[in-house]
Amino acid sequence: MSVVVPSLLKITFLLTIILGLVPVLIWVERKGSAFIQDRTGPNRASIAGIRLAGLVHPIADVLKLMFKEDFRPEGSHKFLYALAPFLVFFIALLTYAVIPFGDFIEIAGVQYNLIVADLDIGILYVLAIASLGTYGVVMGGWASNNKYAFLGALRSTSQMISYEISMGLAIMGIMMIFSSLRLSEIAAGQGDLIWGFLPKWGVVVQPIGAILFIVAVFAETNRNPFDLPEGESELVSGYHLEYSSLKFALFFMAEYCNMVIGAALITTLFFGGWNIPWLSRDVIVSNVGIVMPIQLGLQFLLATIIALLFFMRAKREKNKFGDNRDREPVFMGVIATLSAAGVVVALGATPWTLGPNAASIYATLLQVGAFVCKVVFFCWVFIWVRWTLPRFRYDQLMSLGWKVMLPLGLANLVVTAIWLALV
């Protein structure tokens, strides 16, 4: 029981982060694309007249897809057609088990590692599970009995083969540097400093590997400019063309879950994981009386700026729409003001004086917060790139994978091996 309960809590926490980010990322993608294209974006769906700048739209999407007709094309393979979206979504949630989201948390003198399954072969597990996702895509494209869906499935297989090799080569460089296949040990090793001041992050010791891995993750998640399996301009919608209702929703959610997990892997392997530069756990615990007030002060400053921006917007756009949208900036400004007030109350309570146990828990929360912030940042990078770069042609995609990334990955591996042998 002492093992089961902490494991269930860790699984629940990660599932909450991943599945909770999905509707938020859908909203961010829509508003972000609108901002890039100089549009307003979604702002019509509302609850009791409150629209929350389009945040209600993901809820409306769920309700719409739940009650939408579950259409199945004639001539499709009934079992495989129904299995494919569930397989894609299920596999998308398996990879997170080996991703560490913190160092440890100490409760009642017992330390619990913040990782669901700390496998000796964590990286190999990630590669093995990630490659299985293509089976669901191929299954959905073939079982739909549609030539465009089938072409999308074929593109997915060739894309997976082309980019997983480069991904593996990029990861091998990190494995050689940190001498481990455990993601927890790789993340912990990035807490060291090079020459006493430079964080030993993967992107610092393996810059070429970082670029190759990030590009390969974009291809693995089928995001622009690598969304050839579902290229709308060529294949209408690709492998999930014939899916509707909740089956389409599972494909849609799987893409965003893959994006979150891809961002988590980029963070863990190349951007320090849960580590905060120059603020190790020991430094945070021993200097909690300095670190916590600075952190709370920055929180107060940020909440105050956000509140002022909303109130200024409310004044500037007074009676602009003539409905509840006019009240929304005031509503958001009040929420930001209450957040700032909560920080003031926390400062007045001086929580940094509670003792070493509280300081250790605070250090854990700070590390988990750093990990989540990095993941959110890279999720935004995924969205930013999608609405900035055009889709590659199929021959350009293959040429990049085989003629550019593969030679670069091999060269990077050889240089890394020579450098380790000499140094």
Protein backbone atom coordinates (compact mmCIF):
# COMPACT_ATOMS: atom_id res chain seq x y z
CA MET A 1 0.00 0.00 0.00
CA SER A 2 2.92 2.35 0.75
CA VAL A 3 3.98 2.03 -2.91
CA VAL A 4 0.53 1.96 -4.53
CA VAL A 5 -0.83 5.21 -3.10
CA PRO A 6 2.16 7.45 -4.04
CA SER A 7 2.22 5.86 -7.52
CA LEU A 8 -1.49 6.56 -8.01
CA LEU A 9 -1.00 10.15 -6.85
CA LYS A 10 1.88 10.65 -9.31
CA ILE A 11 -0.14 9.11 -12.16
CA THR A 12 -3.09 11.35 -11.31
CA PHE A 13 -0.89 14.45 -11.21
CA LEU A 14 0.69 13.79 -14.61
CA LEU A 15 -2.63 12.85 -16.22
CA THR A 16 -4.12 16.05 -14.83
CA ILE A 17 -1.27 18.10 -16.32
CA ILE A 18 -1.40 16.40 -19.73
CA LEU A 19 -5.18 16.18 -20.15
CA GLY A 20 -5.67 19.58 -18.52
CA LEU A 21 -3.29 21.21 -20.97
CA VAL A 22 -5.17 19.79 -23.99
CA PRO A 23 -8.19 22.17 -23.92
CA VAL A 24 -5.94 25.06 -22.91
CA LEU A 25 -3.59 24.38 -25.85
CA ILE A 26 -6.54 24.16 -28.23
CA TRP A 27 -7.58 27.62 -27.05
CA VAL A 28 -4.00 28.94 -27.20
CA GLU A 29 -3.58 27.56 -30.71
CA ARG A 30 -6.75 29.26 -31.93
CA LYS A 31 -5.98 32.58 -30.29
CA GLY A 32 -2.30 32.36 -31.23
CA SER A 33 -3.07 31.67 -34.88
CA ALA A 34 -5.56 34.55 -34.84
CA PHE A 35 -2.88 36.86 -33.41
CA ILE A 36 -0.32 35.77 -36.02
CA GLN A 37 -2.86 36.21 -38.82
CA ASP A 38 -4.25 39.47 -37.41
CA ARG A 39 -7.67 38.01 -36.62
CA THR A 40 -9.91 38.11 -33.54
CA GLY A 41 -10.13 34.37 -33.09
CA PRO A 42 -12.89 32.42 -31.26
CA ASN A 43 -15.03 34.63 -29.02
CA ARG A 44 -18.67 33.65 -29.57
CA ALA A 45 -19.40 30.63 -27.34
CA SER A 46 -20.50 31.70 -23.86
CA ILE A 47 -21.94 30.47 -20.56
CA ALA A 48 -24.53 32.84 -19.10
CA GLY A 49 -23.16 35.49 -21.46
CA ILE A 50 -19.57 35.14 -20.20
CA ARG A 51 -17.20 34.29 -23.09
CA LEU A 52 -13.79 34.49 -21.33
CA ALA A 53 -12.00 35.46 -24.54
CA GLY A 54 -12.87 32.14 -26.21
CA LEU A 55 -12.05 29.81 -23.31
CA VAL A 56 -15.60 28.45 -23.48
CA HIS A 57 -15.01 27.15 -27.01
CA PRO A 58 -13.17 23.94 -25.95
CA ILE A 59 -16.18 23.07 -23.76
CA ALA A 60 -18.50 23.72 -26.71
CA ASP A 61 -16.29 21.50 -28.89
CA VAL A 62 -16.55 18.60 -26.43
CA LEU A 63 -20.34 18.86 -26.25
CA LYS A 64 -20.58 19.13 -30.05
CA LEU A 65 -18.42 16.06 -30.64
CA MET A 66 -20.27 14.02 -28.00
CA PHE A 67 -23.60 14.47 -29.76
CA LYS A 68 -22.33 14.49 -33.35
CA GLU A 69 -23.35 11.60 -35.61
CA ASP A 70 -20.88 8.70 -35.39
CA PHE A 71 -20.55 8.11 -39.12
CA ARG A 72 -18.83 4.97 -40.42
CA PRO A 73 -18.02 4.72 -44.16
CA GLU A 74 -19.28 1.84 -46.23
CA GLY A 75 -16.69 -0.85 -46.85
CA SER A 76 -14.60 0.00 -43.77
CA HIS A 77 -13.17 -2.68 -41.48
CA LYS A 78 -15.49 -2.39 -38.48
CA PHE A 79 -13.16 -3.59 -35.73
CA LEU A 80 -9.93 -1.88 -36.87
CA TYR A 81 -11.83 1.30 -37.79
CA ALA A 82 -13.13 1.53 -34.22
CA LEU A 83 -9.85 0.42 -32.59
CA ALA A 84 -7.50 2.89 -34.32
CA PRO A 85 -8.43 6.13 -32.47
CA PHE A 86 -8.41 4.38 -29.08
CA LEU A 87 -4.99 2.87 -29.85
CA VAL A 88 -3.52 6.24 -30.86
CA PHE A 89 -4.87 7.99 -27.77
CA PHE A 90 -3.87 5.19 -25.38
CA ILE A 91 -0.30 5.02 -26.70
CA ALA A 92 -0.02 8.82 -26.46
CA LEU A 93 -0.55 8.56 -22.69
CA LEU A 94 1.92 5.72 -22.05
CA THR A 95 5.17 7.62 -22.61
CA TYR A 96 4.71 9.96 -19.65
CA ALA A 97 5.33 7.12 -17.16
CA VAL A 98 9.14 7.46 -17.37
CA ILE A 99 9.34 11.28 -17.47
CA PRO A 100 10.57 12.79 -14.17
CA PHE A 101 8.75 15.98 -13.22
CA GLY A 102 10.79 16.74 -10.10
CA ASP A 103 13.59 15.48 -7.87
CA PHE A 104 11.76 14.09 -4.84
CA ILE A 105 9.29 15.17 -2.19
CA GLU A 106 9.88 14.43 1.47
CA ILE A 107 6.80 13.77 3.62
CA ALA A 108 7.07 12.61 7.24
CA GLY A 109 10.73 11.76 6.72
CA VAL A 110 10.06 9.55 3.68
CA GLN A 111 11.36 10.54 0.24
CA TYR A 112 9.21 9.84 -2.83
CA ASN A 113 10.80 10.16 -6.27
CA LEU A 114 8.68 12.28 -8.62
CA ILE A 115 8.51 9.81 -11.49
CA VAL A 116 5.91 7.09 -12.08
CA ALA A 117 8.29 4.36 -13.31
CA ASP A 118 12.03 4.98 -13.01
CA LEU A 119 13.10 2.36 -15.56
CA ASP A 120 16.74 1.48 -16.23
CA ILE A 121 15.93 1.68 -19.96
CA GLY A 122 13.73 4.78 -19.82
CA ILE A 123 14.91 6.23 -23.14
CA LEU A 124 14.44 2.92 -24.97
CA TYR A 125 10.94 2.69 -23.51
CA VAL A 126 10.15 6.16 -24.89
CA LEU A 127 11.36 5.23 -28.38
CA ALA A 128 9.55 1.89 -28.35
CA ILE A 129 6.19 3.30 -27.23
CA ALA A 130 6.41 6.36 -29.51
CA SER A 131 6.94 4.15 -32.57
CA LEU A 132 3.76 2.18 -31.75
CA GLY A 133 1.64 5.26 -32.37
CA THR A 134 2.16 4.83 -36.10
CA TYR A 135 0.23 1.55 -35.96
CA GLY A 136 -2.91 3.40 -34.96
CA VAL A 137 -2.44 5.93 -37.75
CA VAL A 138 -1.88 3.20 -40.36
CA MET A 139 -4.79 1.21 -39.00
CA GLY A 140 -7.14 4.21 -39.19
CA GLY A 141 -6.05 5.11 -42.72
CA TRP A 142 -6.34 1.57 -44.08
CA ALA A 143 -9.56 0.59 -42.27
CA SER A 144 -11.40 3.72 -43.52
CA ASN A 145 -11.50 2.36 -47.11
CA ASN A 146 -10.58 5.79 -48.46
CA LYS A 147 -7.65 6.42 -50.78
CA TYR A 148 -6.77 9.81 -49.26
CA ALA A 149 -6.80 8.36 -45.74
CA PHE A 150 -4.66 5.44 -46.93
CA LEU A 151 -2.13 7.79 -48.55
CA GLY A 152 -1.89 9.69 -45.27
CA ALA A 153 -1.22 6.41 -43.43
CA LEU A 154 1.58 5.52 -45.88
CA ARG A 155 3.13 8.94 -45.43
CA SER A 156 3.08 8.44 -41.67
CA THR A 157 5.09 5.22 -41.89
CA SER A 158 7.78 6.68 -44.16
CA GLN A 159 7.94 9.81 -42.00
CA MET A 160 8.34 7.75 -38.83
CA ILE A 161 11.20 5.68 -40.30
CA SER A 162 12.98 8.78 -41.61
CA TYR A 163 12.90 10.77 -38.39
CA GLU A 164 13.07 8.16 -35.62
CA ILE A 165 16.58 7.22 -36.78
CA SER A 166 17.73 10.82 -36.38
CA MET A 167 15.91 11.04 -33.06
CA GLY A 168 17.72 7.96 -31.82
CA LEU A 169 21.10 9.34 -32.90
CA ALA A 170 20.39 12.63 -31.11
CA ILE A 171 19.49 10.78 -27.93
CA MET A 172 22.59 8.56 -28.14
CA GLY A 173 24.79 11.65 -27.77
CA ILE A 174 22.98 12.54 -24.52
CA MET A 175 23.31 8.93 -23.33
CA MET A 176 27.06 9.05 -23.90
CA ILE A 177 27.45 12.37 -22.07
CA PHE A 178 25.49 11.32 -18.96
CA SER A 179 26.33 7.58 -19.13
CA SER A 180 22.78 6.50 -18.41
CA LEU A 181 19.50 5.40 -20.01
CA ARG A 182 17.48 6.60 -17.00
CA LEU A 183 15.68 9.85 -17.68
CA SER A 184 15.81 10.69 -13.96
CA GLU A 185 19.63 10.43 -13.93
CA ILE A 186 19.92 12.47 -17.14
CA ALA A 187 17.72 15.20 -15.65
CA ALA A 188 19.66 15.16 -12.36
CA GLY A 189 23.00 15.33 -14.24
CA GLN A 190 21.92 18.57 -15.88
CA GLY A 191 21.92 20.24 -12.47
CA ASP A 192 25.74 20.36 -12.53
CA LEU A 193 27.73 23.38 -13.68
CA ILE A 194 30.45 23.52 -16.34
CA TRP A 195 33.44 25.72 -15.38
CA GLY A 196 31.51 26.68 -12.26
CA PHE A 197 28.90 28.91 -13.94
CA LEU A 198 27.45 27.30 -17.12
CA PRO A 199 24.49 24.90 -16.56
CA LYS A 200 25.26 21.44 -17.92
CA TRP A 201 22.03 21.29 -19.89
CA GLY A 202 21.73 18.96 -22.87
CA VAL A 203 21.44 21.89 -25.24
CA VAL A 204 24.81 23.18 -24.00
CA VAL A 205 26.74 19.91 -24.28
CA GLN A 206 24.83 18.63 -27.35
CA PRO A 207 23.59 21.64 -29.37
CA ILE A 208 23.42 19.72 -32.68
CA GLY A 209 21.65 16.86 -30.94
CA ALA A 210 19.13 19.28 -29.46
CA ILE A 211 18.28 20.73 -32.88
CA LEU A 212 17.97 17.26 -34.43
CA PHE A 213 15.78 16.02 -31.60
CA ILE A 214 13.44 19.01 -31.68
CA VAL A 215 12.98 18.69 -35.46
CA ALA A 216 12.39 14.93 -35.10
CA VAL A 217 9.79 15.51 -32.37
CA PHE A 218 7.93 17.89 -34.68
CA ALA A 219 7.90 15.12 -37.32
CA GLU A 220 6.86 12.48 -34.78
CA THR A 221 3.89 14.52 -33.59
CA ASN A 222 2.76 15.25 -37.18
CA ARG A 223 2.80 19.00 -36.56
CA ASN A 224 3.53 21.63 -39.20
CA PRO A 225 5.71 21.78 -41.19
CA PHE A 226 5.67 17.95 -40.96
CA ASP A 227 1.91 17.27 -41.07
CA LEU A 228 2.12 15.31 -44.34
CA PRO A 229 -0.08 12.43 -43.04
CA GLU A 230 -3.03 14.83 -42.80
CA GLY A 231 -2.06 17.52 -45.34
CA GLU A 232 -5.38 19.30 -45.94
CA SER A 233 -4.30 20.85 -49.23
CA GLU A 234 -3.34 17.46 -50.68
CA LEU A 235 -5.23 14.74 -48.77
CA VAL A 236 -8.33 16.64 -47.57
CA SER A 237 -7.61 15.55 -44.00
CA GLY A 238 -5.46 12.48 -44.37
CA TYR A 239 -5.63 9.39 -42.16
CA HIS A 240 -8.57 10.58 -40.02
CA LEU A 241 -10.64 11.89 -42.93
CA GLU A 242 -13.49 9.41 -42.39
CA TYR A 243 -13.74 9.83 -38.61
CA SER A 244 -16.35 11.88 -36.78
CA SER A 245 -17.81 12.32 -33.31
CA LEU A 246 -15.74 11.04 -30.36
CA LYS A 247 -13.49 8.90 -32.59
CA PHE A 248 -12.24 12.06 -34.28
CA ALA A 249 -11.96 13.69 -30.85
CA LEU A 250 -9.59 10.91 -29.74
CA PHE A 251 -7.33 11.50 -32.76
CA PHE A 252 -7.48 15.24 -32.07
CA MET A 253 -6.69 14.86 -28.35
CA ALA A 254 -3.88 12.39 -29.10
CA GLU A 255 -2.12 15.02 -31.22
CA TYR A 256 -2.12 17.49 -28.36
CA CYS A 257 -1.14 14.84 -25.81
CA ASN A 258 1.80 13.94 -28.06
CA MET A 259 2.69 17.62 -28.22
CA VAL A 260 2.74 17.89 -24.40
CA ILE A 261 4.82 14.73 -24.04
CA GLY A 262 7.16 15.88 -26.83
CA ALA A 263 7.65 19.17 -24.99
CA ALA A 264 8.30 17.25 -21.75
CA LEU A 265 10.96 15.10 -23.47
CA ILE A 266 12.66 18.17 -24.97
CA THR A 267 12.67 19.71 -21.50
CA THR A 268 13.98 16.58 -19.78
CA LEU A 269 16.74 15.70 -22.24
CA PHE A 270 18.03 19.08 -23.34
CA PHE A 271 16.75 21.91 -21.13
CA GLY A 272 17.50 20.79 -17.60
CA GLY A 273 14.27 18.99 -16.77
CA TRP A 274 13.14 20.20 -13.37
CA ASN A 275 16.47 21.92 -12.64
CA ILE A 276 16.56 25.69 -12.12
CA PRO A 277 19.87 27.27 -13.24
CA TRP A 278 22.16 28.04 -10.26
CA LEU A 279 19.38 27.10 -7.81
CA SER A 280 19.95 23.53 -6.71
CA ARG A 281 17.80 21.98 -4.00
CA ASP A 282 20.48 22.63 -1.37
CA VAL A 283 20.76 26.29 -2.40
CA ILE A 284 16.97 26.75 -2.27
CA VAL A 285 16.61 25.07 1.14
CA SER A 286 19.53 26.93 2.73
CA ASN A 287 18.47 30.31 1.27
CA VAL A 288 14.68 29.92 1.42
CA GLY A 289 14.40 33.22 3.30
CA ILE A 290 15.78 35.00 0.22
CA VAL A 291 14.42 32.85 -2.63
CA MET A 292 10.79 32.70 -1.49
CA PRO A 293 10.30 36.46 -0.94
CA ILE A 294 11.87 37.17 -4.35
CA GLN A 295 9.59 34.60 -6.00
CA LEU A 296 6.49 35.97 -4.25
CA GLY A 297 7.53 39.53 -5.11
CA LEU A 298 7.83 38.63 -8.80
CA GLN A 299 4.43 36.94 -8.62
CA PHE A 300 2.92 40.07 -7.10
CA LEU A 301 4.50 42.28 -9.75
CA LEU A 302 3.24 40.05 -12.58
CA ALA A 303 -0.31 39.85 -11.17
CA THR A 304 -0.37 43.63 -10.69
CA ILE A 305 0.77 44.31 -14.26
CA ILE A 306 -1.87 41.90 -15.63
CA ALA A 307 -4.59 43.55 -13.52
CA LEU A 308 -3.58 47.03 -14.71
CA LEU A 309 -3.59 45.90 -18.35
CA PHE A 310 -7.11 44.48 -18.01
CA PHE A 311 -8.45 47.58 -16.27
CA MET A 312 -6.86 49.81 -18.91
CA ARG A 313 -8.47 47.67 -21.59
CA ALA A 314 -11.84 47.92 -19.85
CA LYS A 315 -11.55 51.71 -19.80
CA ARG A 316 -10.40 51.87 -23.42
CA GLU A 317 -13.16 49.57 -24.71
CA LYS A 318 -16.01 50.78 -22.51
CA ASN A 319 -19.40 49.92 -24.09
CA LYS A 320 -17.62 48.72 -27.24
CA PHE A 321 -19.83 45.65 -27.77
CA GLY A 322 -22.93 46.50 -25.78
CA ASP A 323 -23.12 43.05 -24.13
CA ASN A 324 -21.34 40.92 -21.51
CA ARG A 325 -18.07 41.13 -23.43
CA ASP A 326 -17.70 44.66 -22.05
CA ARG A 327 -17.56 43.24 -18.50
CA GLU A 328 -14.98 40.57 -19.19
CA PRO A 329 -11.84 42.78 -18.89
CA VAL A 330 -13.13 44.00 -15.51
CA PHE A 331 -13.81 40.40 -14.45
CA MET A 332 -10.30 39.28 -15.42
CA GLY A 333 -8.79 42.37 -13.78
CA VAL A 334 -10.55 41.51 -10.51
CA ILE A 335 -9.21 37.95 -10.65
CA ALA A 336 -5.65 39.23 -11.21
CA THR A 337 -6.10 41.71 -8.34
CA LEU A 338 -7.25 38.91 -6.02
CA SER A 339 -4.18 36.91 -7.05
CA ALA A 340 -1.94 39.86 -6.13
CA ALA A 341 -3.78 40.20 -2.80
CA GLY A 342 -3.21 36.50 -2.13
CA VAL A 343 0.53 36.99 -2.65
CA VAL A 344 0.51 39.87 -0.16
CA VAL A 345 -1.20 37.65 2.42
CA ALA A 346 1.40 34.93 1.78
CA LEU A 347 4.23 37.45 2.26
CA GLY A 348 2.69 38.59 5.52
CA ALA A 349 2.56 35.02 6.80
CA THR A 350 6.36 34.63 6.26
CA PRO A 351 6.11 30.93 5.26
CA TRP A 352 9.91 30.69 4.86
CA THR A 353 10.22 30.58 8.66
CA LEU A 354 8.34 27.26 9.01
CA GLY A 355 11.47 25.11 9.16
CA PRO A 356 13.60 22.75 7.05
CA ASN A 357 10.76 20.34 6.16
CA ALA A 358 8.64 23.15 4.73
CA ALA A 359 11.72 24.49 2.91
CA SER A 360 12.27 21.06 1.31
CA ILE A 361 8.64 20.91 0.14
CA TYR A 362 8.95 24.46 -1.21
CA ALA A 363 12.07 23.44 -3.17
CA THR A 364 10.11 20.53 -4.65
CA LEU A 365 7.21 22.78 -5.64
CA LEU A 366 9.63 25.24 -7.23
CA GLN A 367 11.27 22.46 -9.26
CA VAL A 368 7.91 21.05 -10.41
CA GLY A 369 6.81 24.57 -11.33
CA ALA A 370 10.00 25.09 -13.36
CA PHE A 371 9.37 21.82 -15.23
CA VAL A 372 5.74 22.74 -16.01
CA CYS A 373 6.75 26.24 -17.18
CA LYS A 374 9.36 24.78 -19.57
CA VAL A 375 6.81 22.30 -20.94
CA VAL A 376 4.26 25.07 -21.50
CA PHE A 377 6.90 27.18 -23.27
CA PHE A 378 7.79 24.41 -25.71
CA CYS A 379 4.09 23.71 -26.33
CA TRP A 380 3.84 27.35 -27.40
CA VAL A 381 6.87 26.84 -29.66
CA PHE A 382 4.98 23.97 -31.34
CA ILE A 383 2.03 26.29 -31.96
CA TRP A 384 4.22 29.21 -33.08
CA VAL A 385 6.07 27.08 -35.63
CA ARG A 386 2.85 25.58 -36.98
CA TRP A 387 1.43 28.98 -37.86
CA THR A 388 4.72 30.39 -39.15
CA LEU A 389 6.28 27.81 -41.49
CA PRO A 390 4.57 26.33 -44.58
CA ARG A 391 4.16 22.59 -45.05
CA PHE A 392 7.08 20.81 -46.72
CA ARG A 393 6.58 18.89 -49.92
CA TYR A 394 6.84 15.13 -49.52
CA ASP A 395 10.19 14.94 -51.36
CA GLN A 396 11.56 17.81 -49.24
CA LEU A 397 10.51 15.95 -46.09
CA MET A 398 12.35 12.79 -47.16
CA SER A 399 15.43 14.72 -48.30
CA LEU A 400 15.67 16.54 -44.98
CA GLY A 401 15.42 13.31 -43.02
CA TRP A 402 17.82 11.15 -45.04
CA LYS A 403 20.24 13.64 -46.63
CA VAL A 404 20.59 16.25 -43.89
CA MET A 405 19.53 15.00 -40.46
CA LEU A 406 20.93 11.45 -40.71
CA PRO A 407 24.48 12.55 -41.73
CA LEU A 408 24.40 15.30 -39.11
CA GLY A 409 23.31 12.82 -36.44
CA LEU A 410 26.09 10.38 -37.35
CA ALA A 411 28.71 13.16 -37.43
CA ASN A 412 27.52 14.48 -34.07
CA LEU A 413 27.79 10.98 -32.58
CA VAL A 414 31.35 10.49 -33.88
CA VAL A 415 32.49 13.92 -32.62
CA THR A 416 30.90 13.24 -29.21
CA ALA A 417 32.67 9.88 -28.94
CA ILE A 418 36.06 11.37 -29.87
CA TRP A 419 35.59 14.26 -27.43
CA LEU A 420 34.67 11.88 -24.57
CA ALA A 421 37.64 9.64 -25.36
CA LEU A 422 40.04 12.60 -25.25
CA VAL A 423 38.56 14.55 -22.33
